[in-house]
N, C-alpha and C. Protein backbone atom coordinates (compact mmCIF):
# COMPACT_ATOMS: atom_id res chain seq x y z
N MET A 1 -21.70 -4.26 -5.72
CA MET A 1 -20.60 -4.40 -4.79
C MET A 1 -19.32 -3.85 -5.42
N PRO A 2 -18.65 -2.91 -4.74
CA PRO A 2 -17.44 -2.33 -5.31
C PRO A 2 -16.32 -3.37 -5.42
N THR A 3 -15.49 -3.19 -6.44
CA THR A 3 -14.36 -4.11 -6.60
C THR A 3 -13.25 -3.76 -5.63
N ARG A 4 -12.54 -4.78 -5.24
CA ARG A 4 -11.40 -4.60 -4.35
C ARG A 4 -10.31 -3.83 -5.09
N PRO A 5 -9.69 -2.85 -4.43
CA PRO A 5 -8.66 -2.08 -5.12
C PRO A 5 -7.39 -2.89 -5.37
N LEU A 6 -6.71 -2.55 -6.44
CA LEU A 6 -5.40 -3.10 -6.73
C LEU A 6 -4.40 -2.26 -5.97
N LEU A 7 -3.58 -2.89 -5.14
CA LEU A 7 -2.61 -2.16 -4.35
C LEU A 7 -1.24 -2.19 -5.01
N ILE A 8 -0.66 -1.01 -5.20
CA ILE A 8 0.71 -0.89 -5.67
C ILE A 8 1.51 -0.54 -4.41
N LEU A 9 2.23 -1.53 -3.90
CA LEU A 9 2.87 -1.41 -2.59
C LEU A 9 4.33 -1.01 -2.71
N ASN A 10 4.76 -0.14 -1.79
CA ASN A 10 6.15 0.29 -1.77
C ASN A 10 6.61 0.42 -0.33
N PRO A 11 7.69 -0.23 0.05
CA PRO A 11 8.50 -1.10 -0.79
C PRO A 11 7.88 -2.49 -0.90
N ARG A 12 7.90 -3.01 -2.09
CA ARG A 12 7.30 -4.32 -2.35
C ARG A 12 8.05 -5.45 -1.65
N ASP A 13 9.35 -5.25 -1.44
CA ASP A 13 10.13 -6.32 -0.83
C ASP A 13 9.93 -6.43 0.69
N ASP A 14 9.15 -5.53 1.28
CA ASP A 14 8.80 -5.65 2.70
C ASP A 14 7.54 -6.52 2.76
N THR A 15 7.73 -7.82 2.85
CA THR A 15 6.60 -8.74 2.79
C THR A 15 5.65 -8.58 3.97
N GLY A 16 6.17 -8.21 5.13
CA GLY A 16 5.31 -7.98 6.28
C GLY A 16 4.35 -6.82 6.03
N PHE A 17 4.86 -5.74 5.48
CA PHE A 17 4.04 -4.58 5.15
C PHE A 17 3.02 -4.92 4.06
N ALA A 18 3.49 -5.60 3.01
CA ALA A 18 2.61 -5.96 1.89
C ALA A 18 1.48 -6.87 2.37
N THR A 19 1.81 -7.87 3.15
CA THR A 19 0.80 -8.80 3.66
C THR A 19 -0.20 -8.08 4.56
N PHE A 20 0.29 -7.20 5.42
CA PHE A 20 -0.59 -6.47 6.33
C PHE A 20 -1.57 -5.59 5.54
N ALA A 21 -1.06 -4.87 4.55
CA ALA A 21 -1.93 -4.00 3.74
C ALA A 21 -2.98 -4.82 2.99
N GLU A 22 -2.57 -5.90 2.37
CA GLU A 22 -3.51 -6.75 1.63
C GLU A 22 -4.56 -7.34 2.57
N THR A 23 -4.15 -7.73 3.77
CA THR A 23 -5.08 -8.29 4.74
C THR A 23 -6.11 -7.26 5.18
N LEU A 24 -5.67 -6.04 5.43
CA LEU A 24 -6.60 -4.99 5.84
C LEU A 24 -7.67 -4.75 4.77
N VAL A 25 -7.27 -4.75 3.51
CA VAL A 25 -8.23 -4.57 2.42
C VAL A 25 -9.17 -5.77 2.35
N ALA A 26 -8.63 -6.96 2.47
CA ALA A 26 -9.46 -8.17 2.43
C ALA A 26 -10.47 -8.19 3.57
N GLU A 27 -10.10 -7.60 4.70
CA GLU A 27 -10.98 -7.57 5.86
C GLU A 27 -11.92 -6.38 5.89
N GLY A 28 -11.88 -5.54 4.84
CA GLY A 28 -12.90 -4.50 4.75
C GLY A 28 -12.47 -3.06 4.68
N ALA A 29 -11.19 -2.76 4.62
CA ALA A 29 -10.76 -1.36 4.45
C ALA A 29 -11.19 -0.92 3.06
N ALA A 30 -12.34 -0.27 2.97
CA ALA A 30 -12.96 0.03 1.68
C ALA A 30 -12.64 1.42 1.14
N ALA A 31 -11.96 2.23 1.92
CA ALA A 31 -11.57 3.57 1.47
C ALA A 31 -10.08 3.75 1.72
N ALA A 32 -9.44 4.53 0.86
CA ALA A 32 -8.00 4.78 1.01
C ALA A 32 -7.70 5.41 2.37
N THR A 33 -8.55 6.30 2.83
CA THR A 33 -8.34 6.94 4.12
C THR A 33 -8.42 5.94 5.27
N SER A 34 -9.31 4.98 5.15
CA SER A 34 -9.45 3.94 6.16
C SER A 34 -8.21 3.05 6.19
N LEU A 35 -7.75 2.64 5.02
CA LEU A 35 -6.56 1.80 4.95
C LEU A 35 -5.37 2.55 5.53
N GLU A 36 -5.21 3.80 5.18
CA GLU A 36 -4.09 4.60 5.69
C GLU A 36 -4.13 4.68 7.22
N ALA A 37 -5.29 4.96 7.78
CA ALA A 37 -5.41 5.06 9.24
C ALA A 37 -5.05 3.74 9.92
N GLN A 38 -5.50 2.63 9.36
CA GLN A 38 -5.19 1.33 9.95
C GLN A 38 -3.72 0.98 9.81
N LEU A 39 -3.12 1.30 8.66
CA LEU A 39 -1.69 1.04 8.47
C LEU A 39 -0.85 1.85 9.44
N ARG A 40 -1.28 3.08 9.73
CA ARG A 40 -0.48 3.96 10.59
C ARG A 40 -0.43 3.47 12.04
N GLU A 41 -1.29 2.56 12.40
CA GLU A 41 -1.18 1.99 13.75
C GLU A 41 0.12 1.20 13.89
N ARG A 42 0.59 0.64 12.80
CA ARG A 42 1.84 -0.14 12.80
C ARG A 42 2.97 0.58 12.08
N TYR A 43 2.63 1.36 11.06
CA TYR A 43 3.61 2.08 10.24
C TYR A 43 3.22 3.56 10.26
N PRO A 44 3.73 4.34 11.21
CA PRO A 44 3.26 5.71 11.42
C PRO A 44 3.38 6.66 10.23
N ARG A 45 4.27 6.39 9.31
CA ARG A 45 4.43 7.28 8.14
C ARG A 45 3.70 6.78 6.90
N ALA A 46 2.94 5.72 7.02
CA ALA A 46 2.26 5.14 5.85
C ALA A 46 1.36 6.16 5.17
N ALA A 47 1.26 6.03 3.85
CA ALA A 47 0.39 6.90 3.06
C ALA A 47 -0.28 6.06 1.99
N VAL A 48 -1.54 6.36 1.71
CA VAL A 48 -2.29 5.67 0.66
C VAL A 48 -2.84 6.75 -0.27
N ARG A 49 -2.52 6.62 -1.55
CA ARG A 49 -2.94 7.59 -2.54
C ARG A 49 -3.72 6.90 -3.65
N PRO A 50 -4.99 7.23 -3.81
CA PRO A 50 -5.76 6.65 -4.91
C PRO A 50 -5.26 7.20 -6.25
N ARG A 51 -5.21 6.33 -7.24
CA ARG A 51 -4.91 6.79 -8.61
C ARG A 51 -6.25 7.13 -9.22
N GLU A 52 -6.40 8.35 -9.67
CA GLU A 52 -7.69 8.81 -10.16
C GLU A 52 -7.61 9.20 -11.63
N LEU A 53 -7.70 8.20 -12.48
CA LEU A 53 -7.73 8.43 -13.93
C LEU A 53 -9.17 8.28 -14.38
N SER A 54 -9.70 9.26 -15.07
CA SER A 54 -11.12 9.28 -15.40
C SER A 54 -11.57 8.09 -16.24
N SER A 55 -10.73 7.57 -17.09
CA SER A 55 -11.16 6.47 -17.96
C SER A 55 -10.83 5.09 -17.40
N GLU A 56 -10.25 5.04 -16.23
CA GLU A 56 -9.83 3.77 -15.67
C GLU A 56 -10.96 3.12 -14.87
N ARG A 57 -11.21 1.86 -15.14
CA ARG A 57 -12.26 1.12 -14.43
C ARG A 57 -11.76 0.46 -13.16
N THR A 58 -10.50 0.14 -13.12
CA THR A 58 -9.91 -0.53 -11.97
C THR A 58 -9.56 0.50 -10.90
N VAL A 59 -9.88 0.19 -9.66
CA VAL A 59 -9.50 1.05 -8.54
C VAL A 59 -8.07 0.69 -8.16
N VAL A 60 -7.20 1.69 -8.17
CA VAL A 60 -5.78 1.47 -7.87
C VAL A 60 -5.37 2.42 -6.75
N TRP A 61 -4.73 1.86 -5.72
CA TRP A 61 -4.19 2.67 -4.63
C TRP A 61 -2.69 2.45 -4.55
N TYR A 62 -1.95 3.54 -4.45
CA TYR A 62 -0.52 3.47 -4.17
C TYR A 62 -0.37 3.49 -2.66
N VAL A 63 0.32 2.51 -2.13
CA VAL A 63 0.44 2.35 -0.68
C VAL A 63 1.93 2.41 -0.32
N TYR A 64 2.30 3.46 0.40
CA TYR A 64 3.70 3.72 0.74
C TYR A 64 3.93 3.52 2.23
N ARG A 65 4.81 2.62 2.59
CA ARG A 65 5.15 2.37 3.99
C ARG A 65 5.77 3.61 4.64
N ASP A 66 6.64 4.30 3.92
CA ASP A 66 7.38 5.43 4.48
C ASP A 66 6.80 6.79 4.07
N GLY A 67 5.59 6.80 3.52
CA GLY A 67 4.95 8.05 3.12
C GLY A 67 5.34 8.53 1.74
N HIS A 68 6.30 7.85 1.12
CA HIS A 68 6.77 8.22 -0.23
C HIS A 68 7.46 7.00 -0.83
N TRP A 69 7.74 7.06 -2.11
CA TRP A 69 8.39 5.96 -2.80
C TRP A 69 9.82 5.80 -2.30
N VAL A 70 10.22 4.57 -2.05
CA VAL A 70 11.61 4.26 -1.72
C VAL A 70 12.08 3.16 -2.67
N PRO A 71 13.34 3.19 -3.07
CA PRO A 71 13.83 2.18 -4.01
C PRO A 71 13.94 0.80 -3.37
N HIS A 72 13.88 -0.20 -4.22
CA HIS A 72 14.09 -1.59 -3.82
C HIS A 72 15.54 -1.73 -3.37
N ARG A 73 15.75 -2.49 -2.29
CA ARG A 73 17.12 -2.73 -1.82
C ARG A 73 17.87 -3.59 -2.82
N THR A 74 19.12 -3.27 -3.03
CA THR A 74 19.95 -4.09 -3.92
C THR A 74 20.51 -5.27 -3.14
N THR A 75 21.02 -6.24 -3.84
CA THR A 75 21.59 -7.42 -3.21
C THR A 75 22.71 -7.03 -2.25
N LYS A 76 23.53 -6.06 -2.62
CA LYS A 76 24.64 -5.62 -1.78
C LYS A 76 24.08 -5.06 -0.46
N GLU A 77 23.02 -4.25 -0.52
CA GLU A 77 22.43 -3.67 0.68
C GLU A 77 21.79 -4.76 1.55
N GLU A 78 21.21 -5.78 0.93
CA GLU A 78 20.55 -6.85 1.67
C GLU A 78 21.53 -7.67 2.47
N SER A 79 22.76 -7.81 1.96
CA SER A 79 23.73 -8.65 2.66
C SER A 79 24.50 -7.88 3.72
N ALA A 80 24.37 -6.57 3.75
CA ALA A 80 25.11 -5.74 4.74
C ALA A 80 24.51 -5.82 6.12
């Protein structure tokens, strides 16, 4: 049985996005392409990129809500 991938989520502070992605994997999204397609139903620009290091045993996927990395919001931005 394949191991569940470790998700590196961006932006991490979007708890709705993070929870949705984790739930999809828990419910059976077993390929990065599958997770990406399911995420795009709610987040049209979502992208999932597998990290492919030859010596790495852990499956790691980078999961981007906006299709690319975005910085964490600062406290000043959060209060605006």
